[in-house]
Amino acid sequence: MLLPFVGWAITGALFFIKPGYSGAYETLIVKTYPLDMPVTLPSNPAWLEARYLKTVLGEHLLVRTASGWTHLDPKTLEGKPAPSEADVRALLGEAFTANPERYGHIERVDGMTVTTDTGVRVTLNWPRLALAQRGRDTDRIDGIYRIHYLQWTGLDAVDKVLGAVGLVLILTLTGLGVWLLFRSRAV
């Protein structure tokens, strides 16, 4: 009966203290450079938002429409093809200079995801030119989150039953404690 309560209390304390959160959930951004000259973007009523950027790979036009983000070649306004492995290495290698202790050096490139020698996996979202990073610390904190919220098996149906049972046990334990408190005062 105490297992869900003890797990909840310990993980709750970790969430309060937040050890290692800064690196685990650090925002990693693509390094950009100043534009050489002012840029006038073409007008397109379908575009809800447009961003013009310059990186080590050159110039990029990112546009958001009702269907999502698109990465365009600013000269032709055609879709910009996904980068090669060498381009991914160049783009992410520059981004890693923001925190070389965390990201280290690229060991492996698998499509748009790289793995570093520090165990961090970084994924490039090409349409948004955005990066998402995840390391062993992120996995560990997410595991603690699953324990805290009684997501023990990874199977939704089973976890819902375990969660309900855990909550009933915690309420039962609380009820017994209150009952004992008032019983001892009455005697």
C-alpha atoms as a PDB file:
ATOM      1  CA  MET A   1       0.000   0.000   0.000  1.00  0.00           C
ATOM      2  CA  LEU A   2       2.919   2.329   0.653  1.00  0.00           C
ATOM      3  CA  LEU A   3       4.681   1.716  -2.690  1.00  0.00           C
ATOM      4  CA  PRO A   4       2.710   4.304  -4.753  1.00  0.00           C
ATOM      5  CA  PHE A   5       2.930   6.846  -1.940  1.00  0.00           C
ATOM      6  CA  VAL A   6       6.681   6.412  -1.425  1.00  0.00           C
ATOM      7  CA  GLY A   7       7.287   6.529  -5.199  1.00  0.00           C
ATOM      8  CA  TRP A   8       5.169   9.663  -5.510  1.00  0.00           C
ATOM      9  CA  ALA A   9       6.915  11.373  -2.584  1.00  0.00           C
ATOM     10  CA  ILE A  10      10.452  10.616  -3.781  1.00  0.00           C
ATOM     11  CA  THR A  11       9.775  11.591  -7.387  1.00  0.00           C
ATOM     12  CA  GLY A  12       7.882  14.682  -6.232  1.00  0.00           C
ATOM     13  CA  ALA A  13      10.936  15.762  -4.242  1.00  0.00           C
ATOM     14  CA  LEU A  14      13.115  15.285  -7.333  1.00  0.00           C
ATOM     15  CA  PHE A  15      10.706  17.386  -9.413  1.00  0.00           C
ATOM     16  CA  PHE A  16      10.875  20.102  -6.753  1.00  0.00           C
ATOM     17  CA  ILE A  17      14.695  20.137  -6.619  1.00  0.00           C
ATOM     18  CA  LYS A  18      15.109  19.573 -10.393  1.00  0.00           C
ATOM     19  CA  PRO A  19      18.665  18.220 -10.459  1.00  0.00           C
ATOM     20  CA  GLY A  20      20.097  18.123 -13.978  1.00  0.00           C
ATOM     21  CA  TYR A  21      17.100  19.732 -15.649  1.00  0.00           C
ATOM     22  CA  SER A  22      19.053  22.595 -17.216  1.00  0.00           C
ATOM     23  CA  GLY A  23      21.072  20.349 -19.516  1.00  0.00           C
ATOM     24  CA  ALA A  24      18.389  17.724 -20.044  1.00  0.00           C
ATOM     25  CA  TYR A  25      15.879  20.242 -21.370  1.00  0.00           C
ATOM     26  CA  GLU A  26      18.274  22.823 -22.767  1.00  0.00           C
ATOM     27  CA  THR A  27      17.074  24.570 -25.903  1.00  0.00           C
ATOM     28  CA  LEU A  28      19.567  24.048 -28.701  1.00  0.00           C
ATOM     29  CA  ILE A  29      19.330  26.429 -31.638  1.00  0.00           C
ATOM     30  CA  VAL A  30      20.851  26.546 -35.087  1.00  0.00           C
ATOM     31  CA  LYS A  31      23.609  29.155 -35.269  1.00  0.00           C
ATOM     32  CA  THR A  32      22.620  32.025 -37.549  1.00  0.00           C
ATOM     33  CA  TYR A  33      24.570  34.853 -39.133  1.00  0.00           C
ATOM     34  CA  PRO A  34      23.660  38.429 -40.026  1.00  0.00           C
ATOM     35  CA  LEU A  35      22.193  38.893 -43.476  1.00  0.00           C
ATOM     36  CA  ASP A  36      24.422  40.661 -45.991  1.00  0.00           C
ATOM     37  CA  MET A  37      21.746  43.133 -47.019  1.00  0.00           C
ATOM     38  CA  PRO A  38      18.128  43.947 -46.232  1.00  0.00           C
ATOM     39  CA  VAL A  39      15.755  41.349 -47.609  1.00  0.00           C
ATOM     40  CA  THR A  40      12.335  41.980 -49.086  1.00  0.00           C
ATOM     41  CA  LEU A  41      10.170  38.894 -48.890  1.00  0.00           C
ATOM     42  CA  PRO A  42       7.680  38.185 -51.635  1.00  0.00           C
ATOM     43  CA  SER A  43       4.044  38.546 -50.664  1.00  0.00           C
ATOM     44  CA  ASN A  44       2.004  35.369 -50.453  1.00  0.00           C
ATOM     45  CA  PRO A  45      -1.448  35.396 -48.842  1.00  0.00           C
ATOM     46  CA  ALA A  46      -1.087  31.703 -47.888  1.00  0.00           C
ATOM     47  CA  TRP A  47       1.884  32.489 -45.651  1.00  0.00           C
ATOM     48  CA  LEU A  48       0.962  33.065 -42.028  1.00  0.00           C
ATOM     49  CA  GLU A  49       4.569  33.640 -41.012  1.00  0.00           C
ATOM     50  CA  ALA A  50       7.920  33.859 -42.785  1.00  0.00           C
ATOM     51  CA  ARG A  51      11.492  33.752 -41.503  1.00  0.00           C
ATOM     52  CA  TYR A  52      14.587  34.538 -43.536  1.00  0.00           C
ATOM     53  CA  LEU A  53      17.785  33.143 -42.032  1.00  0.00           C
ATOM     54  CA  LYS A  54      21.410  32.650 -42.899  1.00  0.00           C
ATOM     55  CA  THR A  55      23.373  29.676 -41.579  1.00  0.00           C
ATOM     56  CA  VAL A  56      26.589  27.899 -42.478  1.00  0.00           C
ATOM     57  CA  LEU A  57      24.540  26.217 -45.244  1.00  0.00           C
ATOM     58  CA  GLY A  58      23.490  29.522 -46.787  1.00  0.00           C
ATOM     59  CA  GLU A  59      20.178  31.354 -46.826  1.00  0.00           C
ATOM     60  CA  HIS A  60      16.867  29.820 -45.832  1.00  0.00           C
ATOM     61  CA  LEU A  61      13.254  30.896 -46.150  1.00  0.00           C
ATOM     62  CA  LEU A  62      10.949  29.224 -43.649  1.00  0.00           C
ATOM     63  CA  VAL A  63       7.239  29.797 -44.147  1.00  0.00           C
ATOM     64  CA  ARG A  64       4.253  28.693 -42.114  1.00  0.00           C
ATOM     65  CA  THR A  65       0.969  28.058 -43.844  1.00  0.00           C
ATOM     66  CA  ALA A  66      -2.276  26.564 -42.601  1.00  0.00           C
ATOM     67  CA  SER A  67      -0.787  23.112 -43.275  1.00  0.00           C
ATOM     68  CA  GLY A  68       2.455  23.722 -41.359  1.00  0.00           C
ATOM     69  CA  TRP A  69       6.049  24.800 -41.949  1.00  0.00           C
ATOM     70  CA  THR A  70       7.910  24.574 -45.247  1.00  0.00           C
ATOM     71  CA  HIS A  71      11.588  25.161 -45.940  1.00  0.00           C
ATOM     72  CA  LEU A  72      12.012  27.048 -49.213  1.00  0.00           C
ATOM     73  CA  ASP A  73      14.944  28.080 -51.351  1.00  0.00           C
ATOM     74  CA  PRO A  74      14.783  31.896 -51.092  1.00  0.00           C
ATOM     75  CA  LYS A  75      15.872  32.388 -54.707  1.00  0.00           C
ATOM     76  CA  THR A  76      13.425  30.006 -56.410  1.00  0.00           C
ATOM     77  CA  LEU A  77      10.726  29.738 -53.714  1.00  0.00           C
ATOM     78  CA  GLU A  78      10.749  25.979 -54.326  1.00  0.00           C
ATOM     79  CA  GLY A  79      11.041  23.445 -51.524  1.00  0.00           C
ATOM     80  CA  LYS A  80      14.630  23.215 -50.309  1.00  0.00           C
ATOM     81  CA  PRO A  81      15.825  19.592 -50.355  1.00  0.00           C
ATOM     82  CA  ALA A  82      16.860  17.883 -47.156  1.00  0.00           C
ATOM     83  CA  PRO A  83      20.526  18.418 -46.288  1.00  0.00           C
ATOM     84  CA  SER A  84      23.227  15.853 -46.969  1.00  0.00           C
ATOM     85  CA  GLU A  85      25.048  14.111 -44.134  1.00  0.00           C
ATOM     86  CA  ALA A  86      27.929  16.576 -44.501  1.00  0.00           C
ATOM     87  CA  ASP A  87      25.495  19.497 -44.268  1.00  0.00           C
ATOM     88  CA  VAL A  88      23.847  18.033 -41.166  1.00  0.00           C
ATOM     89  CA  ARG A  89      27.293  17.623 -39.588  1.00  0.00           C
ATOM     90  CA  ALA A  90      28.215  21.238 -40.431  1.00  0.00           C
ATOM     91  CA  LEU A  91      24.933  22.708 -39.164  1.00  0.00           C
ATOM     92  CA  LEU A  92      24.849  20.733 -35.921  1.00  0.00           C
ATOM     93  CA  GLY A  93      28.585  20.989 -35.328  1.00  0.00           C
ATOM     94  CA  GLU A  94      28.183  24.764 -35.208  1.00  0.00           C
ATOM     95  CA  ALA A  95      25.171  24.521 -32.892  1.00  0.00           C
ATOM     96  CA  PHE A  96      27.153  22.324 -30.492  1.00  0.00           C
ATOM     97  CA  THR A  97      29.659  25.124 -29.863  1.00  0.00           C
ATOM     98  CA  ALA A  98      27.042  26.670 -27.538  1.00  0.00           C
ATOM     99  CA  ASN A  99      27.666  23.880 -24.989  1.00  0.00           C
ATOM    100  CA  PRO A 100      30.540  21.600 -26.041  1.00  0.00           C
ATOM    101  CA  GLU A 101      30.607  19.816 -22.666  1.00  0.00           C
ATOM    102  CA  ARG A 102      27.085  18.514 -23.224  1.00  0.00           C
ATOM    103  CA  TYR A 103      27.176  17.837 -26.958  1.00  0.00           C
ATOM    104  CA  GLY A 104      30.781  16.876 -27.588  1.00  0.00           C
ATOM    105  CA  HIS A 105      31.412  15.658 -31.141  1.00  0.00           C
ATOM    106  CA  ILE A 106      29.198  13.946 -33.673  1.00  0.00           C
ATOM    107  CA  GLU A 107      29.753  10.192 -33.753  1.00  0.00           C
ATOM    108  CA  ARG A 108      26.956   9.055 -36.047  1.00  0.00           C
ATOM    109  CA  VAL A 109      24.444  10.603 -38.439  1.00  0.00           C
ATOM    110  CA  ASP A 110      21.230   8.733 -39.194  1.00  0.00           C
ATOM    111  CA  GLY A 111      19.107  10.854 -41.514  1.00  0.00           C
ATOM    112  CA  MET A 112      18.196  13.965 -39.555  1.00  0.00           C
ATOM    113  CA  THR A 113      19.354  12.573 -36.192  1.00  0.00           C
ATOM    114  CA  VAL A 114      22.892  12.664 -34.887  1.00  0.00           C
ATOM    115  CA  THR A 115      24.361  10.888 -31.889  1.00  0.00           C
ATOM    116  CA  THR A 116      27.288  12.468 -30.100  1.00  0.00           C
ATOM    117  CA  ASP A 117      30.169  10.983 -28.158  1.00  0.00           C
ATOM    118  CA  THR A 118      28.474  12.237 -24.966  1.00  0.00           C
ATOM    119  CA  GLY A 119      25.377  10.144 -25.679  1.00  0.00           C
ATOM    120  CA  VAL A 120      23.131  13.026 -26.698  1.00  0.00           C
ATOM    121  CA  ARG A 121      20.807  12.532 -29.666  1.00  0.00           C
ATOM    122  CA  VAL A 122      19.918  15.653 -31.626  1.00  0.00           C
ATOM    123  CA  THR A 123      17.213  15.708 -34.279  1.00  0.00           C
ATOM    124  CA  LEU A 124      16.992  18.357 -36.984  1.00  0.00           C
ATOM    125  CA  ASN A 125      13.499  19.440 -37.995  1.00  0.00           C
ATOM    126  CA  TRP A 126      14.311  20.632 -41.524  1.00  0.00           C
ATOM    127  CA  PRO A 127      10.983  22.367 -42.300  1.00  0.00           C
ATOM    128  CA  ARG A 128      11.382  24.542 -39.171  1.00  0.00           C
ATOM    129  CA  LEU A 129      15.207  24.548 -39.061  1.00  0.00           C
ATOM    130  CA  ALA A 130      14.855  23.643 -35.393  1.00  0.00           C
ATOM    131  CA  LEU A 131      16.753  21.242 -33.153  1.00  0.00           C
ATOM    132  CA  ALA A 132      15.550  18.884 -30.438  1.00  0.00           C
ATOM    133  CA  GLN A 133      18.047  17.235 -28.108  1.00  0.00           C
ATOM    134  CA  ARG A 134      17.717  14.277 -25.780  1.00  0.00           C
ATOM    135  CA  GLY A 135      20.355  12.669 -23.600  1.00  0.00           C
ATOM    136  CA  ARG A 136      20.604   9.989 -20.952  1.00  0.00           C
ATOM    137  CA  ASP A 137      19.654  12.597 -18.356  1.00  0.00           C
ATOM    138  CA  THR A 138      16.463  13.411 -20.278  1.00  0.00           C
ATOM    139  CA  ASP A 139      15.605   9.705 -20.443  1.00  0.00           C
ATOM    140  CA  ARG A 140      16.236   9.353 -16.695  1.00  0.00           C
ATOM    141  CA  ILE A 141      14.039  12.352 -15.816  1.00  0.00           C
ATOM    142  CA  ASP A 142      11.288  11.086 -18.123  1.00  0.00           C
ATOM    143  CA  GLY A 143      11.517   7.704 -16.339  1.00  0.00           C
ATOM    144  CA  ILE A 144      11.062   9.450 -12.995  1.00  0.00           C
ATOM    145  CA  TYR A 145       8.057  11.275 -14.475  1.00  0.00           C
ATOM    146  CA  ARG A 146       6.510   7.937 -15.496  1.00  0.00           C
ATOM    147  CA  ILE A 147       7.022   6.569 -11.981  1.00  0.00           C
ATOM    148  CA  HIS A 148       5.497   9.694 -10.431  1.00  0.00           C
ATOM    149  CA  TYR A 149       2.398   9.483 -12.618  1.00  0.00           C
ATOM    150  CA  LEU A 150       2.072   5.707 -12.190  1.00  0.00           C
ATOM    151  CA  GLN A 151       2.932   4.964 -15.823  1.00  0.00           C
ATOM    152  CA  TRP A 152       4.893   1.872 -14.906  1.00  0.00           C
ATOM    153  CA  THR A 153       4.394  -0.519 -17.821  1.00  0.00           C
ATOM    154  CA  GLY A 154       4.118   1.675 -20.918  1.00  0.00           C
ATOM    155  CA  LEU A 155       0.761   0.030 -21.723  1.00  0.00           C
ATOM    156  CA  ASP A 156      -2.015   2.607 -21.423  1.00  0.00           C
ATOM    157  CA  ALA A 157      -4.733   0.196 -20.291  1.00  0.00           C
ATOM    158  CA  VAL A 158      -2.545  -1.428 -17.626  1.00  0.00           C
ATOM    159  CA  ASP A 159      -1.134   1.925 -16.459  1.00  0.00           C
ATOM    160  CA  LYS A 160      -4.646   3.342 -16.037  1.00  0.00           C
ATOM    161  CA  VAL A 161      -5.607   0.398 -13.841  1.00  0.00           C
ATOM    162  CA  LEU A 162      -2.348   0.689 -11.855  1.00  0.00           C
ATOM    163  CA  GLY A 163      -2.899   4.439 -11.529  1.00  0.00           C
ATOM    164  CA  ALA A 164      -6.435   3.972 -10.244  1.00  0.00           C
ATOM    165  CA  VAL A 165      -5.315   1.257  -7.803  1.00  0.00           C
ATOM    166  CA  GLY A 166      -2.407   3.444  -6.662  1.00  0.00           C
ATOM    167  CA  LEU A 167      -4.697   6.408  -6.046  1.00  0.00           C
ATOM    168  CA  VAL A 168      -7.167   4.232  -4.134  1.00  0.00           C
ATOM    169  CA  LEU A 169      -4.313   2.883  -2.010  1.00  0.00           C
ATOM    170  CA  ILE A 170      -3.011   6.405  -1.298  1.00  0.00           C
ATOM    171  CA  LEU A 171      -6.513   7.577  -0.323  1.00  0.00           C
ATOM    172  CA  THR A 172      -6.967   4.466   1.841  1.00  0.00           C
ATOM    173  CA  LEU A 173      -3.664   5.123   3.576  1.00  0.00           C
ATOM    174  CA  THR A 174      -4.632   8.760   4.124  1.00  0.00           C
ATOM    175  CA  GLY A 175      -8.056   7.715   5.440  1.00  0.00           C
ATOM    176  CA  LEU A 176      -6.500   5.223   7.839  1.00  0.00           C
ATOM    177  CA  GLY A 177      -4.116   7.906   9.091  1.00  0.00           C
ATOM    178  CA  VAL A 178      -6.967  10.343   9.721  1.00  0.00           C
ATOM    179  CA  TRP A 179      -9.030   7.608  11.395  1.00  0.00           C
ATOM    180  CA  LEU A 180      -6.109   6.701  13.679  1.00  0.00           C
ATOM    181  CA  LEU A 181      -5.547  10.369  14.514  1.00  0.00           C
ATOM    182  CA  PHE A 182      -9.131  10.915  15.660  1.00  0.00           C
ATOM    183  CA  ARG A 183      -9.362   7.482  17.317  1.00  0.00           C
ATOM    184  CA  SER A 184      -6.303   8.210  19.463  1.00  0.00           C
ATOM    185  CA  ARG A 185      -7.790  11.543  20.570  1.00  0.00           C
ATOM    186  CA  ALA A 186     -11.098   9.918  21.502  1.00  0.00           C
ATOM    187  CA  VAL A 187      -9.426   7.336  23.746  1.00  0.00           C
END
